[in-house]
Amino acid sequence: MKRTSFTKLMHRRHLSVTRALGYVLTLGTVEGWSDFCAIIAAHLSDHERAAIAFWALRSLDPEHADIVMREAFDLMDDPGFPSDLRRAA
């Protein structure tokens, strides 16, 4: 019996994101992560991106999770961040 490759079962948009994640992890650059952000925005739903963010954050130890959350909140205060998403001051 011939096995079917898991990648043949994946949605094309998920496969694109998986490949992009491999590239950015290999590159490890700020530019690569910025490009990855654009790729997941184009290929994943808000729900899928939120799930990735939530579970990635949960994987961190509390000290690192706190640092990431503070940085995210600081980003939301940035004038360049979309005003409809910026937290109330």
C-alpha atoms as a PDB file:
ATOM      1  CA  MET A   1       0.000   0.000   0.000  1.00  0.00           C
ATOM      2  CA  LYS A   2       1.401   3.342  -1.075  1.00  0.00           C
ATOM      3  CA  ARG A   3       1.428   6.130   1.492  1.00  0.00           C
ATOM      4  CA  THR A   4       0.214   9.605   0.619  1.00  0.00           C
ATOM      5  CA  SER A   5       2.601  12.396   1.531  1.00  0.00           C
ATOM      6  CA  PHE A   6       1.155  14.738   4.135  1.00  0.00           C
ATOM      7  CA  THR A   7       2.105  17.719   1.977  1.00  0.00           C
ATOM      8  CA  LYS A   8      -0.232  16.401  -0.733  1.00  0.00           C
ATOM      9  CA  LEU A   9      -3.080  16.559   1.790  1.00  0.00           C
ATOM     10  CA  MET A  10      -2.331  20.118   2.935  1.00  0.00           C
ATOM     11  CA  HIS A  11      -4.169  23.153   1.632  1.00  0.00           C
ATOM     12  CA  ARG A  12      -1.911  24.994  -0.804  1.00  0.00           C
ATOM     13  CA  ARG A  13      -2.046  28.188   1.280  1.00  0.00           C
ATOM     14  CA  HIS A  14      -0.895  26.275   4.384  1.00  0.00           C
ATOM     15  CA  LEU A  15       1.925  24.663   2.440  1.00  0.00           C
ATOM     16  CA  SER A  16       3.084  28.119   1.298  1.00  0.00           C
ATOM     17  CA  VAL A  17       3.167  29.313   4.906  1.00  0.00           C
ATOM     18  CA  THR A  18       5.014  26.190   6.048  1.00  0.00           C
ATOM     19  CA  ARG A  19       7.696  26.694   3.413  1.00  0.00           C
ATOM     20  CA  ALA A  20       7.995  30.384   4.245  1.00  0.00           C
ATOM     21  CA  LEU A  21       8.428  29.544   7.932  1.00  0.00           C
ATOM     22  CA  GLY A  22      11.270  27.189   7.053  1.00  0.00           C
ATOM     23  CA  TYR A  23      12.948  29.915   5.007  1.00  0.00           C
ATOM     24  CA  VAL A  24      12.644  32.582   7.686  1.00  0.00           C
ATOM     25  CA  LEU A  25      13.892  30.249  10.414  1.00  0.00           C
ATOM     26  CA  THR A  26      16.899  29.458   8.234  1.00  0.00           C
ATOM     27  CA  LEU A  27      17.572  33.122   7.417  1.00  0.00           C
ATOM     28  CA  GLY A  28      16.861  34.431  10.910  1.00  0.00           C
ATOM     29  CA  THR A  29      16.802  38.067   9.790  1.00  0.00           C
ATOM     30  CA  VAL A  30      14.489  40.943  10.656  1.00  0.00           C
ATOM     31  CA  GLU A  31      13.770  41.367   6.944  1.00  0.00           C
ATOM     32  CA  GLY A  32      12.875  37.692   6.679  1.00  0.00           C
ATOM     33  CA  TRP A  33      10.442  37.919   9.607  1.00  0.00           C
ATOM     34  CA  SER A  34       8.924  41.059   8.103  1.00  0.00           C
ATOM     35  CA  ASP A  35       8.385  39.239   4.814  1.00  0.00           C
ATOM     36  CA  PHE A  36       6.932  36.264   6.704  1.00  0.00           C
ATOM     37  CA  CYS A  37       4.432  38.620   8.315  1.00  0.00           C
ATOM     38  CA  ALA A  38       3.233  39.686   4.868  1.00  0.00           C
ATOM     39  CA  ILE A  39       3.046  36.071   3.703  1.00  0.00           C
ATOM     40  CA  ILE A  40       0.919  34.881   6.614  1.00  0.00           C
ATOM     41  CA  ALA A  41      -1.319  37.940   6.283  1.00  0.00           C
ATOM     42  CA  ALA A  42      -1.925  36.976   2.652  1.00  0.00           C
ATOM     43  CA  HIS A  43      -2.415  33.239   3.180  1.00  0.00           C
ATOM     44  CA  LEU A  44      -3.956  32.760   6.638  1.00  0.00           C
ATOM     45  CA  SER A  45      -7.192  33.927   8.210  1.00  0.00           C
ATOM     46  CA  ASP A  46      -7.272  36.203  11.243  1.00  0.00           C
ATOM     47  CA  HIS A  47      -8.292  33.176  13.319  1.00  0.00           C
ATOM     48  CA  GLU A  48      -5.339  31.106  12.082  1.00  0.00           C
ATOM     49  CA  ARG A  49      -2.842  33.922  12.724  1.00  0.00           C
ATOM     50  CA  ALA A  50      -4.302  34.568  16.182  1.00  0.00           C
ATOM     51  CA  ALA A  51      -4.011  30.871  17.041  1.00  0.00           C
ATOM     52  CA  ILE A  52      -0.366  30.814  15.963  1.00  0.00           C
ATOM     53  CA  ALA A  53       0.380  33.956  17.984  1.00  0.00           C
ATOM     54  CA  PHE A  54      -1.434  32.678  21.065  1.00  0.00           C
ATOM     55  CA  TRP A  55       0.178  29.240  21.113  1.00  0.00           C
ATOM     56  CA  ALA A  56       3.630  30.580  20.261  1.00  0.00           C
ATOM     57  CA  LEU A  57       3.301  32.995  23.184  1.00  0.00           C
ATOM     58  CA  ARG A  58       2.162  30.148  25.455  1.00  0.00           C
ATOM     59  CA  SER A  59       5.304  28.205  24.500  1.00  0.00           C
ATOM     60  CA  LEU A  60       7.546  30.885  26.047  1.00  0.00           C
ATOM     61  CA  ASP A  61       8.627  31.020  29.649  1.00  0.00           C
ATOM     62  CA  PRO A  62       6.764  33.751  31.580  1.00  0.00           C
ATOM     63  CA  GLU A  63       9.678  36.211  31.477  1.00  0.00           C
ATOM     64  CA  HIS A  64      10.031  36.024  27.698  1.00  0.00           C
ATOM     65  CA  ALA A  65       6.261  36.065  27.190  1.00  0.00           C
ATOM     66  CA  ASP A  66       6.112  39.284  29.218  1.00  0.00           C
ATOM     67  CA  ILE A  67       8.824  40.871  27.057  1.00  0.00           C
ATOM     68  CA  VAL A  68       6.996  39.913  23.842  1.00  0.00           C
ATOM     69  CA  MET A  69       3.653  41.207  25.138  1.00  0.00           C
ATOM     70  CA  ARG A  70       5.224  44.525  26.206  1.00  0.00           C
ATOM     71  CA  GLU A  71       6.822  44.926  22.778  1.00  0.00           C
ATOM     72  CA  ALA A  72       3.504  44.186  21.082  1.00  0.00           C
ATOM     73  CA  PHE A  73       1.709  46.778  23.222  1.00  0.00           C
ATOM     74  CA  ASP A  74       4.465  49.318  22.485  1.00  0.00           C
ATOM     75  CA  LEU A  75       3.965  48.642  18.765  1.00  0.00           C
ATOM     76  CA  MET A  76       0.263  49.369  19.145  1.00  0.00           C
ATOM     77  CA  ASP A  77       1.130  52.817  20.527  1.00  0.00           C
ATOM     78  CA  ASP A  78       3.300  53.576  17.480  1.00  0.00           C
ATOM     79  CA  PRO A  79       1.740  56.317  15.289  1.00  0.00           C
ATOM     80  CA  GLY A  80       2.429  54.129  12.235  1.00  0.00           C
ATOM     81  CA  PHE A  81       0.219  51.359  13.591  1.00  0.00           C
ATOM     82  CA  PRO A  82      -3.322  51.438  12.105  1.00  0.00           C
ATOM     83  CA  SER A  83      -5.435  53.733  14.286  1.00  0.00           C
ATOM     84  CA  ASP A  84      -8.413  51.384  14.351  1.00  0.00           C
ATOM     85  CA  LEU A  85      -6.195  48.740  15.968  1.00  0.00           C
ATOM     86  CA  ARG A  86      -4.300  51.039  18.333  1.00  0.00           C
ATOM     87  CA  ARG A  87      -5.210  50.587  21.985  1.00  0.00           C
ATOM     88  CA  ALA A  88      -6.812  53.488  23.801  1.00  0.00           C
ATOM     89  CA  ALA A  89      -4.246  55.706  25.450  1.00  0.00           C
END
